[in-house]
Amino acid sequence: MDVNVSRVGKVFTEYAPKRGVVSKSDKTHGASGDSVSVSSAAADYQFARRALEAVSDVREDKVNAAMQMYSANAVVNANAIADKLFSILG
């Protein structure tokens, strides 16, 4: 599983204050007397995974802005681009 580190950092800064702390001593007891303890590292991993699932992979505001900039109304002057390239390349 590939993890985008910058997205994880963003998720932690946005959601960490709302998060509860789970310690090794916290246990959940089932009806049959079974118990499960969750380490803090596992709880942090699970929290980060859930938060990443909630974050959109596509920033719609950025996509919409780009679509407006590169809409069908844009006029590209091929001669101006060629002149600029030749002036840069010398």
C-alpha atoms as a PDB file:
ATOM      1  CA  MET A   1       0.000   0.000   0.000  1.00  0.00           C
ATOM      2  CA  ASP A   2       1.509   3.312  -1.071  1.00  0.00           C
ATOM      3  CA  VAL A   3       1.043   6.130   1.423  1.00  0.00           C
ATOM      4  CA  ASN A   4       1.376   9.749   0.410  1.00  0.00           C
ATOM      5  CA  VAL A   5       3.245  11.245   3.370  1.00  0.00           C
ATOM      6  CA  SER A   6       2.050  14.795   2.747  1.00  0.00           C
ATOM      7  CA  ARG A   7      -1.573  13.602   2.777  1.00  0.00           C
ATOM      8  CA  VAL A   8      -1.010  11.740   6.049  1.00  0.00           C
ATOM      9  CA  GLY A   9       0.499  14.851   7.638  1.00  0.00           C
ATOM     10  CA  LYS A  10      -2.440  16.944   6.440  1.00  0.00           C
ATOM     11  CA  VAL A  11      -4.911  14.449   7.818  1.00  0.00           C
ATOM     12  CA  PHE A  12      -3.199  14.375  11.209  1.00  0.00           C
ATOM     13  CA  THR A  13      -3.151  18.175  11.477  1.00  0.00           C
ATOM     14  CA  GLU A  14      -6.805  18.465  10.497  1.00  0.00           C
ATOM     15  CA  TYR A  15      -8.252  15.615  12.517  1.00  0.00           C
ATOM     16  CA  ALA A  16      -5.879  15.015  15.439  1.00  0.00           C
ATOM     17  CA  PRO A  17      -7.536  17.425  17.938  1.00  0.00           C
ATOM     18  CA  LYS A  18     -10.847  15.558  17.581  1.00  0.00           C
ATOM     19  CA  ARG A  19      -9.254  12.146  18.113  1.00  0.00           C
ATOM     20  CA  GLY A  20      -9.505  10.191  21.328  1.00  0.00           C
ATOM     21  CA  VAL A  21      -6.445   8.475  22.783  1.00  0.00           C
ATOM     22  CA  VAL A  22      -6.384   4.698  22.965  1.00  0.00           C
ATOM     23  CA  SER A  23      -3.880   3.126  25.308  1.00  0.00           C
ATOM     24  CA  LYS A  24      -2.699  -0.450  25.663  1.00  0.00           C
ATOM     25  CA  SER A  25      -4.755  -0.815  28.799  1.00  0.00           C
ATOM     26  CA  ASP A  26      -8.063  -0.011  27.038  1.00  0.00           C
ATOM     27  CA  LYS A  27      -9.932  -3.254  26.467  1.00  0.00           C
ATOM     28  CA  THR A  28     -13.251  -4.288  25.002  1.00  0.00           C
ATOM     29  CA  HIS A  29     -14.936  -7.311  26.527  1.00  0.00           C
ATOM     30  CA  GLY A  30     -17.270  -9.463  24.466  1.00  0.00           C
ATOM     31  CA  ALA A  31     -20.285 -11.420  25.653  1.00  0.00           C
ATOM     32  CA  SER A  32     -18.252 -14.606  25.965  1.00  0.00           C
ATOM     33  CA  GLY A  33     -15.536 -12.982  28.078  1.00  0.00           C
ATOM     34  CA  ASP A  34     -13.081 -12.544  25.204  1.00  0.00           C
ATOM     35  CA  SER A  35     -11.019  -9.405  25.267  1.00  0.00           C
ATOM     36  CA  VAL A  36      -9.136  -7.380  22.690  1.00  0.00           C
ATOM     37  CA  SER A  37      -6.486  -4.795  23.419  1.00  0.00           C
ATOM     38  CA  VAL A  38      -5.345  -2.314  20.789  1.00  0.00           C
ATOM     39  CA  SER A  39      -1.876  -0.817  20.828  1.00  0.00           C
ATOM     40  CA  SER A  40      -1.551   2.918  20.379  1.00  0.00           C
ATOM     41  CA  ALA A  41       0.418   2.377  17.144  1.00  0.00           C
ATOM     42  CA  ALA A  42      -2.389   0.224  15.731  1.00  0.00           C
ATOM     43  CA  ALA A  43      -4.991   2.773  16.810  1.00  0.00           C
ATOM     44  CA  ASP A  44      -2.989   5.572  15.139  1.00  0.00           C
ATOM     45  CA  TYR A  45      -2.673   3.521  11.950  1.00  0.00           C
ATOM     46  CA  GLN A  46      -6.392   2.755  11.908  1.00  0.00           C
ATOM     47  CA  PHE A  47      -7.228   6.410  12.554  1.00  0.00           C
ATOM     48  CA  ALA A  48      -4.940   7.562   9.721  1.00  0.00           C
ATOM     49  CA  ARG A  49      -6.355   4.961   7.322  1.00  0.00           C
ATOM     50  CA  ARG A  50      -9.943   6.001   8.010  1.00  0.00           C
ATOM     51  CA  ALA A  51      -9.072   9.683   7.691  1.00  0.00           C
ATOM     52  CA  LEU A  52      -7.280   9.084   4.366  1.00  0.00           C
ATOM     53  CA  GLU A  53     -10.304   7.241   3.044  1.00  0.00           C
ATOM     54  CA  ALA A  54     -12.412  10.318   3.844  1.00  0.00           C
ATOM     55  CA  VAL A  55     -10.073  12.700   1.968  1.00  0.00           C
ATOM     56  CA  SER A  56     -10.823  13.183  -1.709  1.00  0.00           C
ATOM     57  CA  ASP A  57      -8.111  12.179  -4.186  1.00  0.00           C
ATOM     58  CA  VAL A  58      -9.200  14.967  -6.542  1.00  0.00           C
ATOM     59  CA  ARG A  59      -9.382  18.601  -5.509  1.00  0.00           C
ATOM     60  CA  GLU A  60     -12.459  19.664  -7.418  1.00  0.00           C
ATOM     61  CA  ASP A  61     -11.785  23.375  -6.867  1.00  0.00           C
ATOM     62  CA  LYS A  62      -8.376  23.050  -8.566  1.00  0.00           C
ATOM     63  CA  VAL A  63      -9.821  20.999 -11.414  1.00  0.00           C
ATOM     64  CA  ASN A  64     -12.597  23.521 -12.025  1.00  0.00           C
ATOM     65  CA  ALA A  65     -10.132  26.411 -12.029  1.00  0.00           C
ATOM     66  CA  ALA A  66      -7.917  24.591 -14.529  1.00  0.00           C
ATOM     67  CA  MET A  67     -10.906  23.777 -16.720  1.00  0.00           C
ATOM     68  CA  GLN A  68     -11.840  27.466 -16.829  1.00  0.00           C
ATOM     69  CA  MET A  69      -8.282  28.482 -17.715  1.00  0.00           C
ATOM     70  CA  TYR A  70      -7.978  25.906 -20.497  1.00  0.00           C
ATOM     71  CA  SER A  71     -11.495  26.065 -21.843  1.00  0.00           C
ATOM     72  CA  ALA A  72     -12.378  25.928 -25.517  1.00  0.00           C
ATOM     73  CA  ASN A  73     -12.214  29.738 -25.612  1.00  0.00           C
ATOM     74  CA  ALA A  74      -8.431  29.709 -25.291  1.00  0.00           C
ATOM     75  CA  VAL A  75      -6.564  30.808 -28.403  1.00  0.00           C
ATOM     76  CA  VAL A  76      -3.102  29.405 -29.014  1.00  0.00           C
ATOM     77  CA  ASN A  77      -0.870  31.317 -31.396  1.00  0.00           C
ATOM     78  CA  ALA A  78       1.557  28.722 -32.761  1.00  0.00           C
ATOM     79  CA  ASN A  79       3.759  31.388 -34.362  1.00  0.00           C
ATOM     80  CA  ALA A  80       4.180  33.229 -31.068  1.00  0.00           C
ATOM     81  CA  ILE A  81       5.127  29.994 -29.305  1.00  0.00           C
ATOM     82  CA  ALA A  82       7.651  29.089 -32.031  1.00  0.00           C
ATOM     83  CA  ASP A  83       9.165  32.598 -31.904  1.00  0.00           C
ATOM     84  CA  LYS A  84       9.529  32.386 -28.128  1.00  0.00           C
ATOM     85  CA  LEU A  85      11.174  28.950 -28.331  1.00  0.00           C
ATOM     86  CA  PHE A  86      13.649  30.098 -30.999  1.00  0.00           C
ATOM     87  CA  SER A  87      14.493  33.232 -29.003  1.00  0.00           C
ATOM     88  CA  ILE A  88      15.220  31.124 -25.910  1.00  0.00           C
ATOM     89  CA  LEU A  89      17.233  28.516 -27.795  1.00  0.00           C
ATOM     90  CA  GLY A  90      19.161  31.229 -29.612  1.00  0.00           C
END
